[in-house]
Amino acid sequence: MRKLLPVWLLLFSANVMASSHSPQVSNLGTFYRVEADSDLGFNYPFFLYVPAVKKKKLPLLVIPNNSGGSQLDYETQVRKSRSELLEWSALAESMSCALLVPAFPRVYGKTPIYTHSLSRNSLEVKAGELKRVDLQLIKMVDAARTVIKRKDGKVLDEKIFLFGFSASAMFVNRFSFIHPEMVKAVALGAPGGWPLAPLKEYKSKTLNYPVGIADLDPLINSKIDLKKVASVPMFLFLGEKDENDSVLFRDSYTKADEDLIFSLFGKMPVQRWPLAEKLYKDAGLNATFKLYPLGHETNRAVHDDIVKFFKSVEK
């Protein structure tokens, strides 16, 4: 096991770190790297952005990392997490909020563990550095409060905003069901072809995690409270031409899951979308679904809608 460093901060320059694919990176705020600290409950580093605003109390936006690609070594994944922070700092700047991006590893090999999507087998890890990354993220948020208070003299809101796209959308979607008491609002796009169904069964078929929530309670050793989930405003979006479908891949869903989703909900993500919307509405969740004329991507219109959504929750 690699040695874990105590928490320390590395201030780095947006001018140095900005790349050609992230031209909207802001130079107004401050960027930090916080190292892993097992004593504080998180085994991997995370990155923080704090905007240069006069407000003493700030919202915190959390965007779980999504390295994408395949077979990337961990140091490359860490660098991609840092790049994600820089890329999304413009969004945080427009919301006048702090931003946190973790650097969780995505594990490949014979038994892949898709931590970036909060996959079933990531919740099943019972020991070691990968144990319950959702709980580690909560500890990172706690540490961020301490860092920002000490370094910037600012206080973070009690609840957090969550945003994710693709695999990280799967993460925030599932995290919001498991820890709704922490979440002020969540926006997510293209969540792997299927958002978590707020049901234990549908048409007499059992919906186990991550298709639904039938066996989620014993999986997390806690009880899902759909009334609390219903208190979380949700904005879910998908591109009309998006064919990116994690249901087909075994690091995300089993073959039995795939067959179940295909038979009950449809074979294409956009085909499933209206039914997913109905399931969320029928369950009483505060969820808005939207389709954009896009593929597996976002654009300025999407970003503007995300900001409007979060700002509407702030009012």
C-alpha atoms as a PDB file:
ATOM      1  CA  MET A   1       0.000   0.000   0.000  1.00  0.00           C
ATOM      2  CA  ARG A   2       1.355   3.373  -0.933  1.00  0.00           C
ATOM      3  CA  LYS A   3       2.102   5.729   1.902  1.00  0.00           C
ATOM      4  CA  LEU A   4      -0.542   8.392   2.378  1.00  0.00           C
ATOM      5  CA  LEU A   5       0.629  11.913   2.982  1.00  0.00           C
ATOM      6  CA  PRO A   6      -0.893  14.195   5.589  1.00  0.00           C
ATOM      7  CA  VAL A   7      -3.118  16.934   4.219  1.00  0.00           C
ATOM      8  CA  TRP A   8      -1.121  19.719   2.602  1.00  0.00           C
ATOM      9  CA  LEU A   9      -1.964  22.295   0.020  1.00  0.00           C
ATOM     10  CA  LEU A  10      -0.319  23.068  -3.271  1.00  0.00           C
ATOM     11  CA  LEU A  11      -1.295  26.390  -4.796  1.00  0.00           C
ATOM     12  CA  PHE A  12      -1.017  26.211  -8.576  1.00  0.00           C
ATOM     13  CA  SER A  13      -1.426  28.741 -11.338  1.00  0.00           C
ATOM     14  CA  ALA A  14      -4.344  28.656 -13.751  1.00  0.00           C
ATOM     15  CA  ASN A  15      -2.102  30.376 -16.308  1.00  0.00           C
ATOM     16  CA  VAL A  16       0.374  27.511 -16.171  1.00  0.00           C
ATOM     17  CA  MET A  17      -2.174  24.685 -15.968  1.00  0.00           C
ATOM     18  CA  ALA A  18      -4.709  25.924 -18.527  1.00  0.00           C
ATOM     19  CA  SER A  19      -4.653  24.006 -21.794  1.00  0.00           C
ATOM     20  CA  SER A  20      -5.799  24.786 -25.316  1.00  0.00           C
ATOM     21  CA  HIS A  21      -9.037  22.813 -24.884  1.00  0.00           C
ATOM     22  CA  SER A  22     -10.191  24.863 -21.877  1.00  0.00           C
ATOM     23  CA  PRO A  23     -10.096  28.498 -23.014  1.00  0.00           C
ATOM     24  CA  GLN A  24     -12.696  29.644 -20.487  1.00  0.00           C
ATOM     25  CA  VAL A  25     -10.555  28.937 -17.433  1.00  0.00           C
ATOM     26  CA  SER A  26     -10.784  31.789 -14.968  1.00  0.00           C
ATOM     27  CA  ASN A  27      -7.745  33.533 -13.509  1.00  0.00           C
ATOM     28  CA  LEU A  28      -9.726  35.287 -10.815  1.00  0.00           C
ATOM     29  CA  GLY A  29      -9.779  32.632  -8.116  1.00  0.00           C
ATOM     30  CA  THR A  30      -7.426  30.313  -6.289  1.00  0.00           C
ATOM     31  CA  PHE A  31      -6.649  26.679  -7.033  1.00  0.00           C
ATOM     32  CA  TYR A  32      -5.557  24.111  -4.456  1.00  0.00           C
ATOM     33  CA  ARG A  33      -4.530  20.478  -4.399  1.00  0.00           C
ATOM     34  CA  VAL A  34      -5.328  18.661  -1.157  1.00  0.00           C
ATOM     35  CA  GLU A  35      -3.397  15.449  -0.639  1.00  0.00           C
ATOM     36  CA  ALA A  36      -4.843  12.141   0.522  1.00  0.00           C
ATOM     37  CA  ASP A  37      -5.229  11.709   4.262  1.00  0.00           C
ATOM     38  CA  SER A  38      -6.469   8.347   5.529  1.00  0.00           C
ATOM     39  CA  ASP A  39      -6.814   9.758   9.051  1.00  0.00           C
ATOM     40  CA  LEU A  40      -9.390  12.201   7.708  1.00  0.00           C
ATOM     41  CA  GLY A  41     -11.182   9.461   5.796  1.00  0.00           C
ATOM     42  CA  PHE A  42     -10.103   9.944   2.163  1.00  0.00           C
ATOM     43  CA  ASN A  43      -7.384   7.920   0.455  1.00  0.00           C
ATOM     44  CA  TYR A  44      -6.935  10.027  -2.684  1.00  0.00           C
ATOM     45  CA  PRO A  45      -6.197  13.680  -3.389  1.00  0.00           C
ATOM     46  CA  PHE A  46      -8.713  16.233  -4.557  1.00  0.00           C
ATOM     47  CA  PHE A  47      -8.628  19.649  -6.217  1.00  0.00           C
ATOM     48  CA  LEU A  48     -10.357  22.847  -5.133  1.00  0.00           C
ATOM     49  CA  TYR A  49     -11.183  26.118  -6.814  1.00  0.00           C
ATOM     50  CA  VAL A  50     -12.250  29.162  -4.776  1.00  0.00           C
ATOM     51  CA  PRO A  51     -13.556  32.179  -6.714  1.00  0.00           C
ATOM     52  CA  ALA A  52     -12.360  35.671  -5.831  1.00  0.00           C
ATOM     53  CA  VAL A  53     -15.680  36.991  -4.516  1.00  0.00           C
ATOM     54  CA  LYS A  54     -16.394  39.122  -1.488  1.00  0.00           C
ATOM     55  CA  LYS A  55     -19.055  36.800  -0.104  1.00  0.00           C
ATOM     56  CA  LYS A  56     -18.018  35.091   3.120  1.00  0.00           C
ATOM     57  CA  LYS A  57     -20.399  32.157   2.594  1.00  0.00           C
ATOM     58  CA  LEU A  58     -20.152  30.122  -0.592  1.00  0.00           C
ATOM     59  CA  PRO A  59     -22.010  27.221  -2.186  1.00  0.00           C
ATOM     60  CA  LEU A  60     -19.859  24.205  -2.997  1.00  0.00           C
ATOM     61  CA  LEU A  61     -20.181  22.488  -6.363  1.00  0.00           C
ATOM     62  CA  VAL A  62     -18.830  18.928  -6.502  1.00  0.00           C
ATOM     63  CA  ILE A  63     -18.043  17.351  -9.878  1.00  0.00           C
ATOM     64  CA  PRO A  64     -16.777  13.747  -9.546  1.00  0.00           C
ATOM     65  CA  ASN A  65     -13.862  12.986 -11.831  1.00  0.00           C
ATOM     66  CA  ASN A  66     -14.263  10.973 -15.012  1.00  0.00           C
ATOM     67  CA  SER A  67     -10.988  10.071 -16.674  1.00  0.00           C
ATOM     68  CA  GLY A  68     -12.615   8.456 -19.711  1.00  0.00           C
ATOM     69  CA  GLY A  69     -10.515   6.390 -22.105  1.00  0.00           C
ATOM     70  CA  SER A  70      -9.153   3.055 -21.023  1.00  0.00           C
ATOM     71  CA  GLN A  71      -6.100   1.603 -19.325  1.00  0.00           C
ATOM     72  CA  LEU A  72      -4.925   4.937 -17.974  1.00  0.00           C
ATOM     73  CA  ASP A  73      -2.348   4.856 -15.184  1.00  0.00           C
ATOM     74  CA  TYR A  74      -3.332   6.587 -11.978  1.00  0.00           C
ATOM     75  CA  GLU A  75      -1.043   9.600 -12.337  1.00  0.00           C
ATOM     76  CA  THR A  76      -2.626  10.325 -15.709  1.00  0.00           C
ATOM     77  CA  GLN A  77      -6.051  10.088 -14.086  1.00  0.00           C
ATOM     78  CA  VAL A  78      -4.947  12.589 -11.418  1.00  0.00           C
ATOM     79  CA  ARG A  79      -3.783  15.016 -14.097  1.00  0.00           C
ATOM     80  CA  LYS A  80      -7.132  14.642 -15.844  1.00  0.00           C
ATOM     81  CA  SER A  81      -8.917  15.442 -12.566  1.00  0.00           C
ATOM     82  CA  ARG A  82      -6.885  18.631 -12.320  1.00  0.00           C
ATOM     83  CA  SER A  83      -7.774  19.473 -15.921  1.00  0.00           C
ATOM     84  CA  GLU A  84     -11.452  18.898 -15.154  1.00  0.00           C
ATOM     85  CA  LEU A  85     -11.234  21.392 -12.302  1.00  0.00           C
ATOM     86  CA  LEU A  86      -9.705  23.965 -14.619  1.00  0.00           C
ATOM     87  CA  GLU A  87     -12.220  23.283 -17.355  1.00  0.00           C
ATOM     88  CA  TRP A  88     -15.235  23.605 -15.047  1.00  0.00           C
ATOM     89  CA  SER A  89     -13.909  26.542 -13.013  1.00  0.00           C
ATOM     90  CA  ALA A  90     -15.700  28.878 -15.439  1.00  0.00           C
ATOM     91  CA  LEU A  91     -18.977  27.237 -14.456  1.00  0.00           C
ATOM     92  CA  ALA A  92     -18.128  27.656 -10.774  1.00  0.00           C
ATOM     93  CA  GLU A  93     -17.142  31.252 -11.430  1.00  0.00           C
ATOM     94  CA  SER A  94     -20.498  31.986 -13.069  1.00  0.00           C
ATOM     95  CA  MET A  95     -22.223  30.527 -10.009  1.00  0.00           C
ATOM     96  CA  SER A  96     -19.904  32.296  -7.520  1.00  0.00           C
ATOM     97  CA  CYS A  97     -19.280  28.982  -5.803  1.00  0.00           C
ATOM     98  CA  ALA A  98     -16.321  26.870  -4.764  1.00  0.00           C
ATOM     99  CA  LEU A  99     -15.582  23.756  -6.810  1.00  0.00           C
ATOM    100  CA  LEU A 100     -14.293  20.338  -5.717  1.00  0.00           C
ATOM    101  CA  VAL A 101     -13.084  17.590  -8.064  1.00  0.00           C
ATOM    102  CA  PRO A 102     -11.785  14.346  -6.502  1.00  0.00           C
ATOM    103  CA  ALA A 103      -9.075  12.179  -8.032  1.00  0.00           C
ATOM    104  CA  PHE A 104     -10.500   8.704  -7.568  1.00  0.00           C
ATOM    105  CA  PRO A 105      -8.815   5.958  -9.585  1.00  0.00           C
ATOM    106  CA  ARG A 106     -10.653   3.896 -12.167  1.00  0.00           C
ATOM    107  CA  VAL A 107      -9.477   0.314 -11.786  1.00  0.00           C
ATOM    108  CA  TYR A 108      -9.012  -1.855 -14.868  1.00  0.00           C
ATOM    109  CA  GLY A 109      -7.995  -5.466 -15.245  1.00  0.00           C
ATOM    110  CA  LYS A 110      -9.728  -8.810 -14.748  1.00  0.00           C
ATOM    111  CA  THR A 111     -12.196  -7.316 -12.274  1.00  0.00           C
ATOM    112  CA  PRO A 112     -12.667  -3.641 -13.196  1.00  0.00           C
ATOM    113  CA  ILE A 113     -14.048  -1.322 -10.527  1.00  0.00           C
ATOM    114  CA  TYR A 114     -15.766   1.626 -12.125  1.00  0.00           C
ATOM    115  CA  THR A 115     -15.527   4.012  -9.198  1.00  0.00           C
ATOM    116  CA  HIS A 116     -16.148   7.010 -11.480  1.00  0.00           C
ATOM    117  CA  SER A 117     -19.738   5.826 -11.988  1.00  0.00           C
ATOM    118  CA  LEU A 118     -20.271   4.575  -8.412  1.00  0.00           C
ATOM    119  CA  SER A 119     -20.787   1.111  -9.870  1.00  0.00           C
ATOM    120  CA  ARG A 120     -22.208  -1.784  -7.937  1.00  0.00           C
ATOM    121  CA  ASN A 121     -18.843  -3.399  -7.331  1.00  0.00           C
ATOM    122  CA  SER A 122     -17.385  -0.095  -6.105  1.00  0.00           C
ATOM    123  CA  LEU A 123     -20.020  -0.104  -3.342  1.00  0.00           C
ATOM    124  CA  GLU A 124     -19.135  -3.725  -2.606  1.00  0.00           C
ATOM    125  CA  VAL A 125     -15.484  -2.935  -1.749  1.00  0.00           C
ATOM    126  CA  LYS A 126     -15.243  -3.723   1.959  1.00  0.00           C
ATOM    127  CA  ALA A 127     -11.620  -2.867   2.735  1.00  0.00           C
ATOM    128  CA  GLY A 128      -8.566  -1.025   1.443  1.00  0.00           C
ATOM    129  CA  GLU A 129      -8.106   2.323  -0.232  1.00  0.00           C
ATOM    130  CA  LEU A 130     -11.070   1.882  -2.593  1.00  0.00           C
ATOM    131  CA  LYS A 131     -13.604   1.221   0.165  1.00  0.00           C
ATOM    132  CA  ARG A 132     -16.815   3.239  -0.337  1.00  0.00           C
ATOM    133  CA  VAL A 133     -15.623   6.157  -2.444  1.00  0.00           C
ATOM    134  CA  ASP A 134     -18.983   7.861  -1.850  1.00  0.00           C
ATOM    135  CA  LEU A 135     -18.137   8.084   1.855  1.00  0.00           C
ATOM    136  CA  GLN A 136     -14.629   9.243   0.998  1.00  0.00           C
ATOM    137  CA  LEU A 137     -16.147  12.055  -1.068  1.00  0.00           C
ATOM    138  CA  ILE A 138     -18.126  13.180   1.981  1.00  0.00           C
ATOM    139  CA  LYS A 139     -14.885  13.347   3.961  1.00  0.00           C
ATOM    140  CA  MET A 140     -13.287  15.366   1.162  1.00  0.00           C
ATOM    141  CA  VAL A 141     -16.133  17.870   1.447  1.00  0.00           C
ATOM    142  CA  ASP A 142     -15.480  18.095   5.190  1.00  0.00           C
ATOM    143  CA  ALA A 143     -11.791  18.710   4.530  1.00  0.00           C
ATOM    144  CA  ALA A 144     -12.627  21.343   1.912  1.00  0.00           C
ATOM    145  CA  ARG A 145     -14.602  23.263   4.520  1.00  0.00           C
ATOM    146  CA  THR A 146     -11.527  23.356   6.743  1.00  0.00           C
ATOM    147  CA  VAL A 147      -9.183  24.330   3.914  1.00  0.00           C
ATOM    148  CA  ILE A 148     -11.365  27.155   2.599  1.00  0.00           C
ATOM    149  CA  LYS A 149     -12.048  28.509   6.062  1.00  0.00           C
ATOM    150  CA  ARG A 150      -8.354  28.530   6.949  1.00  0.00           C
ATOM    151  CA  LYS A 151      -6.916  29.715   3.646  1.00  0.00           C
ATOM    152  CA  ASP A 152      -9.671  32.013   2.333  1.00  0.00           C
ATOM    153  CA  GLY A 153     -11.682  32.927   5.417  1.00  0.00           C
ATOM    154  CA  LYS A 154     -14.886  31.687   3.792  1.00  0.00           C
ATOM    155  CA  VAL A 155     -17.601  29.314   4.990  1.00  0.00           C
ATOM    156  CA  LEU A 156     -19.230  26.709   2.753  1.00  0.00           C
ATOM    157  CA  ASP A 157     -22.957  26.030   2.670  1.00  0.00           C
ATOM    158  CA  GLU A 158     -24.109  23.000   4.611  1.00  0.00           C
ATOM    159  CA  LYS A 159     -25.425  21.194   1.526  1.00  0.00           C
ATOM    160  CA  ILE A 160     -23.649  20.747  -1.802  1.00  0.00           C
ATOM    161  CA  PHE A 161     -24.465  21.146  -5.477  1.00  0.00           C
ATOM    162  CA  LEU A 162     -23.616  18.108  -7.613  1.00  0.00           C
ATOM    163  CA  PHE A 163     -22.956  18.009 -11.343  1.00  0.00           C
ATOM    164  CA  GLY A 164     -21.805  15.201 -13.590  1.00  0.00           C
ATOM    165  CA  PHE A 165     -21.725  14.179 -17.230  1.00  0.00           C
ATOM    166  CA  SER A 166     -21.532  10.608 -18.552  1.00  0.00           C
ATOM    167  CA  ALA A 167     -19.849   8.394 -15.926  1.00  0.00           C
ATOM    168  CA  SER A 168     -19.765  11.198 -13.362  1.00  0.00           C
ATOM    169  CA  ALA A 169     -23.483  11.743 -14.053  1.00  0.00           C
ATOM    170  CA  MET A 170     -24.037   8.139 -13.011  1.00  0.00           C
ATOM    171  CA  PHE A 171     -22.047   8.875  -9.853  1.00  0.00           C
ATOM    172  CA  VAL A 172     -24.007  11.988  -8.823  1.00  0.00           C
ATOM    173  CA  ASN A 173     -27.340  10.408  -9.755  1.00  0.00           C
ATOM    174  CA  ARG A 174     -26.645   7.442  -7.481  1.00  0.00           C
ATOM    175  CA  PHE A 175     -24.988   9.505  -4.762  1.00  0.00           C
ATOM    176  CA  SER A 176     -28.124  11.669  -4.536  1.00  0.00           C
ATOM    177  CA  PHE A 177     -30.219   8.596  -3.735  1.00  0.00           C
ATOM    178  CA  ILE A 178     -27.744   7.304  -1.147  1.00  0.00           C
ATOM    179  CA  HIS A 179     -26.978  10.654   0.543  1.00  0.00           C
ATOM    180  CA  PRO A 180     -29.910  12.998  -0.220  1.00  0.00           C
ATOM    181  CA  GLU A 181     -29.463  14.825   3.089  1.00  0.00           C
ATOM    182  CA  MET A 182     -26.181  16.257   1.749  1.00  0.00           C
ATOM    183  CA  VAL A 183     -27.447  17.476  -1.615  1.00  0.00           C
ATOM    184  CA  LYS A 184     -28.929  20.901  -2.296  1.00  0.00           C
ATOM    185  CA  ALA A 185     -29.502  20.111  -5.988  1.00  0.00           C
ATOM    186  CA  VAL A 186     -28.066  17.841  -8.682  1.00  0.00           C
ATOM    187  CA  ALA A 187     -27.633  18.308 -12.438  1.00  0.00           C
ATOM    188  CA  LEU A 188     -26.577  15.381 -14.581  1.00  0.00           C
ATOM    189  CA  GLY A 189     -26.215  14.678 -18.270  1.00  0.00           C
ATOM    190  CA  ALA A 190     -26.149  11.429 -20.243  1.00  0.00           C
ATOM    191  CA  PRO A 191     -26.026   9.129 -17.187  1.00  0.00           C
ATOM    192  CA  GLY A 192     -24.705   6.036 -18.906  1.00  0.00           C
ATOM    193  CA  GLY A 193     -27.847   5.263 -20.830  1.00  0.00           C
ATOM    194  CA  TRP A 194     -30.085   4.823 -17.801  1.00  0.00           C
ATOM    195  CA  PRO A 195     -30.646   6.881 -14.631  1.00  0.00           C
ATOM    196  CA  LEU A 196     -31.183   4.924 -11.442  1.00  0.00           C
ATOM    197  CA  ALA A 197     -34.870   3.952 -11.286  1.00  0.00           C
ATOM    198  CA  PRO A 198     -36.547   5.038  -8.022  1.00  0.00           C
ATOM    199  CA  LEU A 199     -38.267   1.654  -7.846  1.00  0.00           C
ATOM    200  CA  LYS A 200     -37.705  -1.798  -6.407  1.00  0.00           C
ATOM    201  CA  GLU A 201     -39.692  -3.488  -9.146  1.00  0.00           C
ATOM    202  CA  TYR A 202     -41.364  -2.732 -12.450  1.00  0.00           C
ATOM    203  CA  LYS A 203     -43.854  -4.938 -14.257  1.00  0.00           C
ATOM    204  CA  SER A 204     -43.198  -7.642 -11.636  1.00  0.00           C
ATOM    205  CA  LYS A 205     -39.450  -7.578 -12.382  1.00  0.00           C
ATOM    206  CA  THR A 206     -37.002  -6.878  -9.540  1.00  0.00           C
ATOM    207  CA  LEU A 207     -34.788  -3.857 -10.200  1.00  0.00           C
ATOM    208  CA  ASN A 208     -31.527  -4.375  -8.346  1.00  0.00           C
ATOM    209  CA  TYR A 209     -28.844  -1.684  -8.199  1.00  0.00           C
ATOM    210  CA  PRO A 210     -27.816  -0.023 -10.485  1.00  0.00           C
ATOM    211  CA  VAL A 211     -30.989  -0.584 -12.546  1.00  0.00           C
ATOM    212  CA  GLY A 212     -33.155   0.306  -9.544  1.00  0.00           C
ATOM    213  CA  ILE A 213     -33.025   0.333  -5.757  1.00  0.00           C
ATOM    214  CA  ALA A 214     -34.376  -3.109  -4.783  1.00  0.00           C
ATOM    215  CA  ASP A 215     -31.223  -4.289  -3.000  1.00  0.00           C
ATOM    216  CA  LEU A 216     -29.544  -0.941  -2.359  1.00  0.00           C
ATOM    217  CA  ASP A 217     -30.258  -0.896   1.388  1.00  0.00           C
ATOM    218  CA  PRO A 218     -28.171  -3.990   2.243  1.00  0.00           C
ATOM    219  CA  LEU A 219     -25.551  -2.953  -0.293  1.00  0.00           C
ATOM    220  CA  ILE A 220     -24.832   0.304   1.562  1.00  0.00           C
ATOM    221  CA  ASN A 221     -25.866  -0.933   5.016  1.00  0.00           C
ATOM    222  CA  SER A 222     -28.367   1.905   5.263  1.00  0.00           C
ATOM    223  CA  LYS A 223     -31.963   2.654   4.308  1.00  0.00           C
ATOM    224  CA  ILE A 224     -32.906   4.664   1.235  1.00  0.00           C
ATOM    225  CA  ASP A 225     -35.432   7.369   2.070  1.00  0.00           C
ATOM    226  CA  LEU A 226     -37.329   8.355  -1.079  1.00  0.00           C
ATOM    227  CA  LYS A 227     -39.026  11.222   0.776  1.00  0.00           C
ATOM    228  CA  LYS A 228     -35.598  12.775   1.314  1.00  0.00           C
ATOM    229  CA  VAL A 229     -34.634  12.013  -2.286  1.00  0.00           C
ATOM    230  CA  ALA A 230     -37.812  13.810  -3.387  1.00  0.00           C
ATOM    231  CA  SER A 231     -36.625  16.946  -1.571  1.00  0.00           C
ATOM    232  CA  VAL A 232     -33.594  17.209  -3.896  1.00  0.00           C
ATOM    233  CA  PRO A 233     -34.183  19.266  -7.075  1.00  0.00           C
ATOM    234  CA  MET A 234     -32.846  17.331 -10.065  1.00  0.00           C
ATOM    235  CA  PHE A 235     -32.058  18.374 -13.638  1.00  0.00           C
ATOM    236  CA  LEU A 236     -31.417  15.462 -16.007  1.00  0.00           C
ATOM    237  CA  PHE A 237     -30.496  15.977 -19.649  1.00  0.00           C
ATOM    238  CA  LEU A 238     -29.571  13.928 -22.697  1.00  0.00           C
ATOM    239  CA  GLY A 239     -28.624  14.544 -26.301  1.00  0.00           C
ATOM    240  CA  GLU A 240     -31.200  13.403 -28.848  1.00  0.00           C
ATOM    241  CA  LYS A 241     -28.393  11.823 -30.883  1.00  0.00           C
ATOM    242  CA  ASP A 242     -26.463  10.418 -27.910  1.00  0.00           C
ATOM    243  CA  GLU A 243     -25.780   6.709 -28.408  1.00  0.00           C
ATOM    244  CA  ASN A 244     -23.222   6.365 -25.610  1.00  0.00           C
ATOM    245  CA  ASP A 245     -24.616   3.455 -23.592  1.00  0.00           C
ATOM    246  CA  SER A 246     -22.888   2.030 -20.506  1.00  0.00           C
ATOM    247  CA  VAL A 247     -25.605  -0.626 -20.256  1.00  0.00           C
ATOM    248  CA  LEU A 248     -23.636  -2.581 -22.873  1.00  0.00           C
ATOM    249  CA  PHE A 249     -20.427  -2.704 -20.817  1.00  0.00           C
ATOM    250  CA  ARG A 250     -19.742  -5.180 -18.048  1.00  0.00           C
ATOM    251  CA  ASP A 251     -17.857  -2.727 -15.824  1.00  0.00           C
ATOM    252  CA  SER A 252     -21.162  -0.850 -15.521  1.00  0.00           C
ATOM    253  CA  TYR A 253     -23.971  -3.419 -15.822  1.00  0.00           C
ATOM    254  CA  THR A 254     -24.224  -7.208 -15.894  1.00  0.00           C
ATOM    255  CA  LYS A 255     -25.596  -9.042 -18.915  1.00  0.00           C
ATOM    256  CA  ALA A 256     -28.725  -9.728 -16.849  1.00  0.00           C
ATOM    257  CA  ASP A 257     -29.047  -5.968 -16.183  1.00  0.00           C
ATOM    258  CA  GLU A 258     -28.682  -5.268 -19.896  1.00  0.00           C
ATOM    259  CA  ASP A 259     -31.350  -7.796 -20.838  1.00  0.00           C
ATOM    260  CA  LEU A 260     -33.694  -6.375 -18.187  1.00  0.00           C
ATOM    261  CA  ILE A 261     -33.228  -2.768 -19.305  1.00  0.00           C
ATOM    262  CA  PHE A 262     -33.635  -3.669 -22.968  1.00  0.00           C
ATOM    263  CA  SER A 263     -36.826  -5.627 -22.352  1.00  0.00           C
ATOM    264  CA  LEU A 264     -38.449  -3.138 -19.957  1.00  0.00           C
ATOM    265  CA  PHE A 265     -37.200   0.258 -21.068  1.00  0.00           C
ATOM    266  CA  GLY A 266     -35.821   0.068 -24.611  1.00  0.00           C
ATOM    267  CA  LYS A 267     -32.596  -0.586 -26.488  1.00  0.00           C
ATOM    268  CA  MET A 268     -31.421   3.006 -26.967  1.00  0.00           C
ATOM    269  CA  PRO A 269     -30.780   5.748 -24.362  1.00  0.00           C
ATOM    270  CA  VAL A 270     -33.102   8.284 -26.042  1.00  0.00           C
ATOM    271  CA  GLN A 271     -35.827   5.617 -26.277  1.00  0.00           C
ATOM    272  CA  ARG A 272     -35.631   5.051 -22.498  1.00  0.00           C
ATOM    273  CA  TRP A 273     -35.614   8.749 -21.603  1.00  0.00           C
ATOM    274  CA  PRO A 274     -39.399   9.464 -21.581  1.00  0.00           C
ATOM    275  CA  LEU A 275     -40.053   6.354 -19.517  1.00  0.00           C
ATOM    276  CA  ALA A 276     -37.336   7.296 -17.019  1.00  0.00           C
ATOM    277  CA  GLU A 277     -38.977  10.717 -16.729  1.00  0.00           C
ATOM    278  CA  LYS A 278     -42.341   9.084 -16.007  1.00  0.00           C
ATOM    279  CA  LEU A 279     -40.828   6.814 -13.341  1.00  0.00           C
ATOM    280  CA  TYR A 280     -39.275   9.804 -11.564  1.00  0.00           C
ATOM    281  CA  LYS A 281     -42.527  11.780 -11.794  1.00  0.00           C
ATOM    282  CA  ASP A 282     -44.646   8.869 -10.558  1.00  0.00           C
ATOM    283  CA  ALA A 283     -42.261   8.418  -7.617  1.00  0.00           C
ATOM    284  CA  GLY A 284     -42.860  12.054  -6.624  1.00  0.00           C
ATOM    285  CA  LEU A 285     -39.297  13.185  -7.295  1.00  0.00           C
ATOM    286  CA  ASN A 286     -38.555  16.849  -8.032  1.00  0.00           C
ATOM    287  CA  ALA A 287     -36.936  16.082 -11.393  1.00  0.00           C
ATOM    288  CA  THR A 288     -36.839  17.975 -14.680  1.00  0.00           C
ATOM    289  CA  PHE A 289     -35.854  16.018 -17.803  1.00  0.00           C
ATOM    290  CA  LYS A 290     -34.662  17.700 -20.989  1.00  0.00           C
ATOM    291  CA  LEU A 291     -33.441  16.656 -24.429  1.00  0.00           C
ATOM    292  CA  TYR A 292     -30.964  18.715 -26.472  1.00  0.00           C
ATOM    293  CA  PRO A 293     -30.171  18.462 -30.211  1.00  0.00           C
ATOM    294  CA  LEU A 294     -26.735  17.045 -29.404  1.00  0.00           C
ATOM    295  CA  GLY A 295     -24.717  13.846 -29.286  1.00  0.00           C
ATOM    296  CA  HIS A 296     -22.624  12.795 -26.281  1.00  0.00           C
ATOM    297  CA  GLU A 297     -21.546  16.325 -25.453  1.00  0.00           C
ATOM    298  CA  THR A 298     -22.507  19.622 -23.875  1.00  0.00           C
ATOM    299  CA  ASN A 299     -22.449  23.168 -25.181  1.00  0.00           C
ATOM    300  CA  ARG A 300     -22.944  26.741 -23.998  1.00  0.00           C
ATOM    301  CA  ALA A 301     -26.746  26.395 -24.006  1.00  0.00           C
ATOM    302  CA  VAL A 302     -26.479  23.359 -21.723  1.00  0.00           C
ATOM    303  CA  HIS A 303     -24.060  25.149 -19.402  1.00  0.00           C
ATOM    304  CA  ASP A 304     -26.367  28.172 -19.233  1.00  0.00           C
ATOM    305  CA  ASP A 305     -29.301  25.935 -18.313  1.00  0.00           C
ATOM    306  CA  ILE A 306     -27.251  24.253 -15.590  1.00  0.00           C
ATOM    307  CA  VAL A 307     -26.355  27.633 -14.083  1.00  0.00           C
ATOM    308  CA  LYS A 308     -29.997  28.792 -14.291  1.00  0.00           C
ATOM    309  CA  PHE A 309     -31.112  25.587 -12.586  1.00  0.00           C
ATOM    310  CA  PHE A 310     -28.662  25.928  -9.697  1.00  0.00           C
ATOM    311  CA  LYS A 311     -29.366  29.629  -9.309  1.00  0.00           C
ATOM    312  CA  SER A 312     -33.110  28.951  -9.179  1.00  0.00           C
ATOM    313  CA  VAL A 313     -32.474  26.617  -6.238  1.00  0.00           C
ATOM    314  CA  GLU A 314     -30.410  29.306  -4.499  1.00  0.00           C
ATOM    315  CA  LYS A 315     -33.288  31.819  -4.547  1.00  0.00           C
END
